[in-house]
Amino acid sequence: MEPHIFREVATYLRRRRLVVDTRITMEEKLGFFLYMLSHSASYEDLQVFFGHSNDTFHHHINHFFKVVIPTLARRFLQPPDPHQVQPKIQDNPRFYPFFKNCLGAIDGTHVPISISPEKHSPFRNRKGTLSMNVMVACDFDLNITFVSSGWEGSATDSRVLRSAMSKGFQVPPEKFYLVDGGYANTASFLAPYRGVRYHLKEFGAGHRRPQNRKELFNHRHALLRNHVERALGVLKKRFPILKVATFHMLENQVKIPIAAAIFHNLIRLLHGDEEWLDHQPDNIDPSNFVALPNGDQINDLGTTQGNALRDTIAQEMWARYQQYLN
C-alpha cells in the first residue's frame, strides 16, 4: 500500500473512531494489522518488527476483525447501482446493448484454512488440502462488491452461491451476473454454453474467429467474466495471506478474505498503482503456498428462463456481428 493511501485510510478510521489512539497510535495499529494481512505475519513476527507483546497484538488484531472489518464491509463492499450501465459495457459495442443488464461477474476461489483435525473432512478439497470456498463478486472496474466466506472446501461454487442468496445476496429483477460453467445457467446468473469454445486462449492469435452465435456469445462472455479472475489475481498478489494457512482462530480466518477485499477496494478508490504492486517482492515464500483447486466440474443444469435469455442475447449479438462482417 502506497504511503498516501495508508494516510487516507488512517484518517478515515480516526475520524469515525473505529480505531483510537492509546499508548499505541492508531497508525501503528493499522500498520501491524496490514503487515499481518500482507505478510501472514505471526504475533512473533510482529513482535520482532513492532516490539509489542503478543497479548497486545492479539487484542488489537481481534478488534480489527470484530469491529473494524464488519463496519468497513458495510461501507466498502457494496453492490453496483442497478440503474446504471457500467461504463466498460456501455462504451464497448461488443458488449452493449447485449450485456447492459449485467451487474458484474462471480467466481469461487479457495483460501487455505487451519482447523482442528476432527473438523478436517468437510474442508478437504479436491486437491486434498484444507480450504474455504469463498464466493467473490466484482464489477467491471475490478471493485469487489460481495464476498461470502467460510464455506468448506468440499462445497461446490453453486452451493456457496445458494447459501449467499439465502442470507441476503440479491439480484434485482432483470439483472444478472456472469458465472462460469461450474454454475447452473439461470436468468440471474448467466453461464456460457457448454461444449463450445470458451476460454480466451482458444480465440487467441492463430485461432479461427467465432463460427456461430454460441461461440460469439462465449467469447464475449469470457472477455467480461475475466474481470473477476483479474480482480482475484490482484487480490492474492497484494495479500498473499490468501494463499497460505494462518494461525488465527477460525472466526477470524473467515474474515481474512473480507478484510483483503475491503483494502483492495480502498486502494482502488484512492487510485493505487497496480504497476507499483508488480514491482514489489513476494512477502511470503512461495514454497509455503497451499495447492488449491481451480473451478468446479461443468454444471449442465439450467432454467428455461436462463436458457432463453442466453439464446436471445446470443442471437442479437450474432445478427449485429454478421452486419459488421458484411
Protein backbone atom coordinates (compact mmCIF):
# COMPACT_ATOMS: atom_id res chain seq x y z
CA MET A 1 0.00 0.00 0.00
CA GLU A 2 1.42 3.37 -1.01
CA PRO A 3 2.05 5.86 1.85
CA HIS A 4 -0.57 8.38 0.74
CA ILE A 5 -3.24 5.65 0.73
CA PHE A 6 -2.20 4.50 4.20
CA ARG A 7 -2.59 8.07 5.48
CA GLU A 8 -6.05 8.40 3.90
CA VAL A 9 -7.24 5.12 5.44
CA ALA A 10 -5.82 6.11 8.82
CA THR A 11 -7.63 9.46 8.66
CA TYR A 12 -10.90 7.71 7.82
CA LEU A 13 -10.57 5.29 10.76
CA ARG A 14 -9.65 8.09 13.20
CA ARG A 15 -12.48 10.36 12.05
CA ARG A 16 -15.03 7.63 12.67
CA ARG A 17 -13.32 6.48 15.86
CA LEU A 18 -13.15 2.90 14.63
CA VAL A 19 -9.59 2.80 15.96
CA VAL A 20 -8.38 5.25 18.59
CA ASP A 21 -5.02 6.36 19.91
CA THR A 22 -3.90 4.81 23.18
CA ARG A 23 -0.32 4.29 24.25
CA ILE A 24 -0.08 2.85 20.73
CA THR A 25 -1.03 5.24 17.96
CA MET A 26 -3.88 4.45 15.65
CA GLU A 27 -1.44 4.48 12.71
CA GLU A 28 0.71 1.80 14.32
CA LYS A 29 -2.33 -0.40 15.00
CA LEU A 30 -3.37 -0.09 11.38
CA GLY A 31 0.22 -0.73 10.36
CA PHE A 32 0.60 -4.02 12.16
CA PHE A 33 -2.82 -5.21 11.04
CA LEU A 34 -1.92 -4.53 7.41
CA TYR A 35 1.54 -6.04 7.91
CA MET A 36 -0.10 -9.19 9.27
CA LEU A 37 -2.52 -9.24 6.33
CA SER A 38 0.11 -8.73 3.64
CA HIS A 39 2.82 -10.99 5.13
CA SER A 40 0.75 -13.60 7.02
CA ALA A 41 2.84 -12.48 9.99
CA SER A 42 2.53 -14.32 13.29
CA TYR A 43 2.46 -12.48 16.60
CA GLU A 44 6.11 -13.44 16.99
CA ASP A 45 6.89 -11.83 13.62
CA LEU A 46 5.01 -8.70 14.65
CA GLN A 47 6.88 -8.61 17.95
CA VAL A 48 10.20 -8.53 16.11
CA PHE A 49 9.03 -5.80 13.74
CA PHE A 50 6.91 -3.63 16.06
CA GLY A 51 8.21 -4.53 19.52
CA HIS A 52 4.96 -5.09 21.45
CA SER A 53 3.78 -8.14 23.37
CA ASN A 54 1.79 -11.00 21.87
CA ASP A 55 -1.16 -10.06 24.09
CA THR A 56 -1.11 -6.53 22.65
CA PHE A 57 -1.19 -7.79 19.07
CA HIS A 58 -3.90 -10.32 19.92
CA HIS A 59 -6.10 -7.63 21.48
CA HIS A 60 -5.82 -5.07 18.69
CA ILE A 61 -5.97 -7.50 15.76
CA ASN A 62 -9.11 -9.04 17.25
CA HIS A 63 -10.57 -5.53 17.47
CA PHE A 64 -9.98 -5.10 13.74
CA PHE A 65 -11.63 -8.42 12.94
CA LYS A 66 -14.60 -7.97 15.29
CA VAL A 67 -15.34 -4.25 14.90
CA VAL A 68 -13.42 -2.54 12.12
CA ILE A 69 -13.77 -5.09 9.31
CA PRO A 70 -17.57 -5.63 9.68
CA THR A 71 -18.08 -1.85 9.79
CA LEU A 72 -15.92 -1.22 6.73
CA ALA A 73 -17.61 -4.09 4.87
CA ARG A 74 -20.98 -2.36 5.13
CA ARG A 75 -19.45 0.76 3.59
CA PHE A 76 -16.95 -0.53 1.04
CA LEU A 77 -18.41 -3.86 -0.17
CA GLN A 78 -21.44 -2.52 -1.98
CA PRO A 79 -23.40 -3.93 -4.93
CA PRO A 80 -23.28 -1.83 -8.11
CA ASP A 81 -26.08 0.60 -8.87
CA PRO A 82 -28.64 -1.45 -10.84
CA HIS A 83 -29.91 1.71 -12.54
CA GLN A 84 -26.54 2.48 -14.15
CA VAL A 85 -25.00 0.60 -17.07
CA GLN A 86 -21.36 0.01 -16.24
CA PRO A 87 -19.00 2.10 -18.42
CA LYS A 88 -16.94 -0.90 -19.54
CA ILE A 89 -20.14 -2.24 -21.11
CA GLN A 90 -21.79 0.96 -22.30
CA ASP A 91 -18.66 2.21 -24.04
CA ASN A 92 -17.92 -1.01 -25.94
CA PRO A 93 -20.08 -2.12 -28.90
CA ARG A 94 -19.01 -5.72 -28.36
CA PHE A 95 -20.88 -5.69 -25.04
CA TYR A 96 -23.58 -3.05 -25.44
CA PRO A 97 -26.54 -3.39 -25.53
CA PHE A 98 -26.29 -7.16 -25.07
CA PHE A 99 -24.92 -7.07 -21.51
CA LYS A 100 -26.48 -3.77 -20.43
CA ASN A 101 -28.27 -5.53 -17.53
CA CYS A 102 -25.12 -7.24 -16.29
CA LEU A 103 -24.00 -6.18 -12.81
CA GLY A 104 -20.67 -7.97 -12.72
CA ALA A 105 -19.05 -11.38 -12.54
CA ILE A 106 -18.92 -14.05 -9.85
CA ASP A 107 -16.36 -16.72 -9.12
CA GLY A 108 -15.37 -19.05 -6.34
CA THR A 109 -11.82 -19.15 -5.02
CA HIS A 110 -10.23 -21.39 -2.42
CA VAL A 111 -8.38 -19.94 0.57
CA PRO A 112 -6.28 -22.22 2.83
CA ILE A 113 -7.52 -22.80 6.35
CA SER A 114 -6.09 -24.14 9.62
CA ILE A 115 -8.55 -26.19 11.62
CA SER A 116 -8.55 -28.91 14.26
CA PRO A 117 -8.11 -32.48 12.91
CA GLU A 118 -11.61 -33.62 13.89
CA LYS A 119 -13.05 -30.98 11.53
CA HIS A 120 -10.78 -31.68 8.55
CA SER A 121 -13.13 -33.79 6.44
CA PRO A 122 -15.57 -31.18 5.04
CA PHE A 123 -12.77 -28.66 4.47
CA ARG A 124 -10.68 -31.08 2.40
CA ASN A 125 -10.88 -30.01 -1.25
CA ARG A 126 -10.30 -31.92 -4.49
CA LYS A 127 -6.54 -31.31 -4.20
CA GLY A 128 -6.55 -32.99 -0.80
CA THR A 129 -5.63 -29.78 1.03
CA LEU A 130 -7.74 -27.84 3.55
CA SER A 131 -9.51 -24.70 2.37
CA MET A 132 -12.57 -22.49 2.44
CA ASN A 133 -14.54 -21.95 -0.76
CA VAL A 134 -15.00 -18.18 -0.97
CA MET A 135 -17.50 -16.57 -3.35
CA VAL A 136 -16.48 -13.21 -4.80
CA ALA A 137 -18.49 -10.82 -6.98
CA CYS A 138 -16.88 -7.86 -8.73
CA ASP A 139 -17.85 -5.12 -11.14
CA PHE A 140 -16.03 -4.38 -14.39
CA ASP A 141 -13.75 -1.80 -12.76
CA LEU A 142 -12.30 -4.64 -10.64
CA ASN A 143 -14.02 -3.44 -7.47
CA ILE A 144 -15.15 -6.30 -5.26
CA THR A 145 -18.84 -5.90 -4.49
CA PHE A 146 -19.62 -9.00 -2.40
CA VAL A 147 -17.76 -11.72 -0.50
CA SER A 148 -19.19 -14.88 1.06
CA SER A 149 -16.50 -16.55 3.16
CA GLY A 150 -16.43 -19.62 5.38
CA TRP A 151 -17.86 -22.48 3.35
CA GLU A 152 -15.95 -25.75 3.48
CA GLY A 153 -13.50 -26.54 0.68
CA SER A 154 -15.58 -29.56 -0.36
CA ALA A 155 -18.58 -27.33 -1.17
CA THR A 156 -19.29 -26.56 -4.82
CA ASP A 157 -19.45 -23.00 -6.12
CA SER A 158 -23.17 -23.42 -6.78
CA ARG A 159 -23.79 -24.45 -3.19
CA VAL A 160 -21.94 -21.41 -1.87
CA LEU A 161 -23.97 -19.17 -4.17
CA ARG A 162 -27.27 -20.69 -3.00
CA SER A 163 -26.22 -20.11 0.60
CA ALA A 164 -25.31 -16.49 -0.14
CA MET A 165 -28.71 -15.91 -1.71
CA SER A 166 -30.47 -17.42 1.31
CA LYS A 167 -28.55 -14.97 3.52
CA GLY A 168 -29.39 -11.82 1.59
CA PHE A 169 -27.33 -11.67 -1.61
CA GLN A 170 -29.86 -10.28 -4.08
CA VAL A 171 -30.04 -9.77 -7.81
CA PRO A 172 -32.59 -7.13 -8.86
CA PRO A 173 -35.26 -8.17 -11.40
CA GLU A 174 -33.99 -8.40 -15.00
CA LYS A 175 -30.36 -8.00 -13.86
CA PHE A 176 -27.75 -10.73 -13.89
CA TYR A 177 -24.17 -11.69 -13.10
CA LEU A 178 -21.81 -13.66 -15.32
CA VAL A 179 -20.64 -17.03 -13.97
CA ASP A 180 -18.50 -19.86 -15.28
CA GLY A 181 -19.54 -23.35 -16.29
CA GLY A 182 -19.49 -24.60 -12.70
CA TYR A 183 -22.78 -22.82 -12.03
CA ALA A 184 -26.28 -23.55 -13.31
CA ASN A 185 -27.42 -21.18 -16.07
CA THR A 186 -30.29 -19.02 -14.83
CA ALA A 187 -31.79 -15.64 -15.65
CA SER A 188 -29.87 -14.15 -12.70
CA PHE A 189 -26.57 -15.99 -13.22
CA LEU A 190 -25.65 -16.33 -16.87
CA ALA A 191 -23.22 -19.13 -17.72
CA PRO A 192 -21.50 -19.88 -21.05
CA TYR A 193 -22.73 -22.51 -23.49
CA ARG A 194 -21.38 -25.95 -22.63
CA GLY A 195 -19.36 -27.92 -25.16
CA VAL A 196 -18.46 -24.76 -27.10
CA ARG A 197 -15.16 -22.86 -27.20
CA TYR A 198 -14.98 -20.54 -24.22
CA HIS A 199 -11.55 -19.76 -22.79
CA LEU A 200 -9.86 -16.69 -24.24
CA LYS A 201 -6.76 -18.60 -25.30
CA GLU A 202 -8.98 -20.67 -27.60
CA PHE A 203 -9.78 -17.47 -29.51
CA GLY A 204 -6.23 -16.11 -29.46
CA ALA A 205 -3.78 -15.49 -32.28
CA GLY A 206 -3.87 -18.22 -34.88
CA HIS A 207 -7.31 -19.46 -33.89
CA ARG A 208 -10.35 -19.01 -36.06
CA ARG A 209 -12.91 -16.33 -35.30
CA PRO A 210 -16.28 -17.30 -33.75
CA GLN A 211 -18.19 -19.50 -36.18
CA ASN A 212 -21.70 -19.25 -34.74
CA ARG A 213 -23.79 -17.42 -32.18
CA LYS A 214 -22.79 -19.72 -29.32
CA GLU A 215 -19.08 -19.25 -29.91
CA LEU A 216 -19.51 -15.49 -30.22
CA PHE A 217 -21.53 -15.34 -27.01
CA ASN A 218 -18.96 -17.45 -25.17
CA HIS A 219 -16.08 -15.31 -26.40
CA ARG A 220 -17.62 -12.05 -25.23
CA HIS A 221 -18.88 -13.65 -22.02
CA ALA A 222 -15.29 -14.76 -21.31
CA LEU A 223 -13.91 -11.29 -22.03
CA LEU A 224 -16.22 -9.80 -19.41
CA ARG A 225 -16.05 -12.59 -16.86
CA ASN A 226 -12.26 -12.39 -16.99
CA HIS A 227 -12.58 -9.27 -14.83
CA VAL A 228 -13.32 -11.35 -11.72
CA GLU A 229 -10.29 -13.54 -12.40
CA ARG A 230 -8.16 -10.40 -12.76
CA ALA A 231 -9.60 -8.98 -9.53
CA LEU A 232 -8.79 -12.20 -7.67
CA GLY A 233 -5.30 -12.22 -9.15
CA VAL A 234 -4.63 -8.68 -7.92
CA LEU A 235 -6.17 -9.51 -4.53
CA LYS A 236 -3.93 -12.53 -3.98
CA LYS A 237 -0.85 -10.68 -5.23
CA ARG A 238 -1.50 -7.84 -2.80
CA PHE A 239 -2.50 -10.13 0.08
CA PRO A 240 -0.66 -13.46 -0.28
CA ILE A 241 -2.03 -14.47 3.12
CA LEU A 242 -4.88 -15.76 0.93
CA LYS A 243 -2.51 -18.47 -0.36
CA VAL A 244 -1.31 -19.88 2.96
CA ALA A 245 -2.77 -21.38 6.12
CA THR A 246 -2.72 -19.00 9.10
CA PHE A 247 -2.62 -19.23 12.89
CA HIS A 248 -5.80 -17.23 13.60
CA MET A 249 -8.91 -18.58 15.26
CA LEU A 250 -11.45 -19.89 12.75
CA GLU A 251 -13.80 -16.92 13.19
CA ASN A 252 -11.01 -14.56 12.15
CA GLN A 253 -9.76 -16.78 9.32
CA VAL A 254 -13.22 -16.47 7.76
CA LYS A 255 -12.90 -12.67 7.85
CA ILE A 256 -9.44 -12.54 6.23
CA PRO A 257 -10.79 -12.65 2.62
CA ILE A 258 -13.32 -9.97 3.54
CA ALA A 259 -10.61 -7.76 5.05
CA ALA A 260 -8.44 -8.23 1.96
CA ALA A 261 -11.36 -7.30 -0.32
CA ILE A 262 -12.07 -4.13 1.66
CA PHE A 263 -8.48 -2.89 1.48
CA HIS A 264 -8.33 -3.86 -2.20
CA ASN A 265 -11.33 -1.60 -2.82
CA LEU A 266 -9.89 1.21 -0.72
CA ILE A 267 -6.64 1.09 -2.65
CA ARG A 268 -8.54 1.26 -5.94
CA LEU A 269 -10.78 4.05 -4.64
CA LEU A 270 -7.70 6.05 -3.69
CA HIS A 271 -6.05 5.40 -7.06
CA GLY A 272 -3.47 2.86 -6.03
CA ASP A 273 -0.99 1.95 -8.75
CA GLU A 274 -1.15 -1.72 -9.76
CA GLU A 275 2.12 -1.32 -11.66
CA TRP A 276 3.68 -0.39 -8.31
CA LEU A 277 2.36 -3.70 -7.00
CA ASP A 278 4.01 -5.61 -9.85
CA HIS A 279 7.44 -4.41 -8.72
CA GLN A 280 7.06 -5.39 -5.07
CA PRO A 281 8.85 -8.52 -3.81
CA ASP A 282 6.85 -11.51 -2.63
CA ASN A 283 6.09 -11.06 1.06
CA ILE A 284 5.68 -14.80 1.60
CA ASP A 285 7.93 -17.61 0.41
CA PRO A 286 6.03 -19.25 -2.49
CA SER A 287 7.05 -22.66 -1.13
CA ASN A 288 4.52 -22.02 1.66
CA PHE A 289 1.62 -21.57 -0.77
CA VAL A 290 -1.02 -24.30 -0.46
CA ALA A 291 -2.08 -26.26 -3.56
CA LEU A 292 -5.70 -25.35 -4.25
CA PRO A 293 -8.36 -26.41 -6.78
CA ASN A 294 -9.35 -24.08 -9.59
CA GLY A 295 -13.01 -24.17 -10.65
CA ASP A 296 -15.72 -26.80 -10.39
CA GLN A 297 -16.81 -29.51 -12.78
CA ILE A 298 -19.11 -28.36 -15.59
CA ASN A 299 -22.68 -27.91 -14.39
CA ASP A 300 -25.24 -28.96 -17.01
CA LEU A 301 -28.22 -27.62 -15.10
CA GLY A 302 -30.13 -24.59 -16.30
CA THR A 303 -33.54 -22.99 -16.22
CA THR A 304 -35.89 -22.26 -19.07
CA GLN A 305 -35.65 -18.53 -18.34
CA GLY A 306 -31.86 -18.62 -18.18
CA ASN A 307 -31.50 -20.56 -21.41
CA ALA A 308 -34.00 -18.27 -23.18
CA LEU A 309 -32.15 -15.14 -22.03
CA ARG A 310 -28.81 -16.51 -23.16
CA ASP A 311 -30.24 -17.52 -26.55
CA THR A 312 -31.81 -14.09 -27.06
CA ILE A 313 -28.55 -12.30 -26.30
CA ALA A 314 -26.57 -14.69 -28.50
CA GLN A 315 -28.95 -14.26 -31.44
CA GLU A 316 -28.92 -10.45 -31.23
CA MET A 317 -25.16 -10.44 -30.86
CA TRP A 318 -24.69 -12.74 -33.86
CA ALA A 319 -27.01 -10.65 -36.06
CA ARG A 320 -25.02 -7.50 -35.23
CA TYR A 321 -21.75 -9.34 -35.82
CA GLN A 322 -22.90 -10.51 -39.25
CA GLN A 323 -23.79 -6.94 -40.18
CA TYR A 324 -20.30 -5.86 -39.14
CA LEU A 325 -18.65 -8.57 -41.25
CA ASN A 326 -20.74 -7.69 -44.29
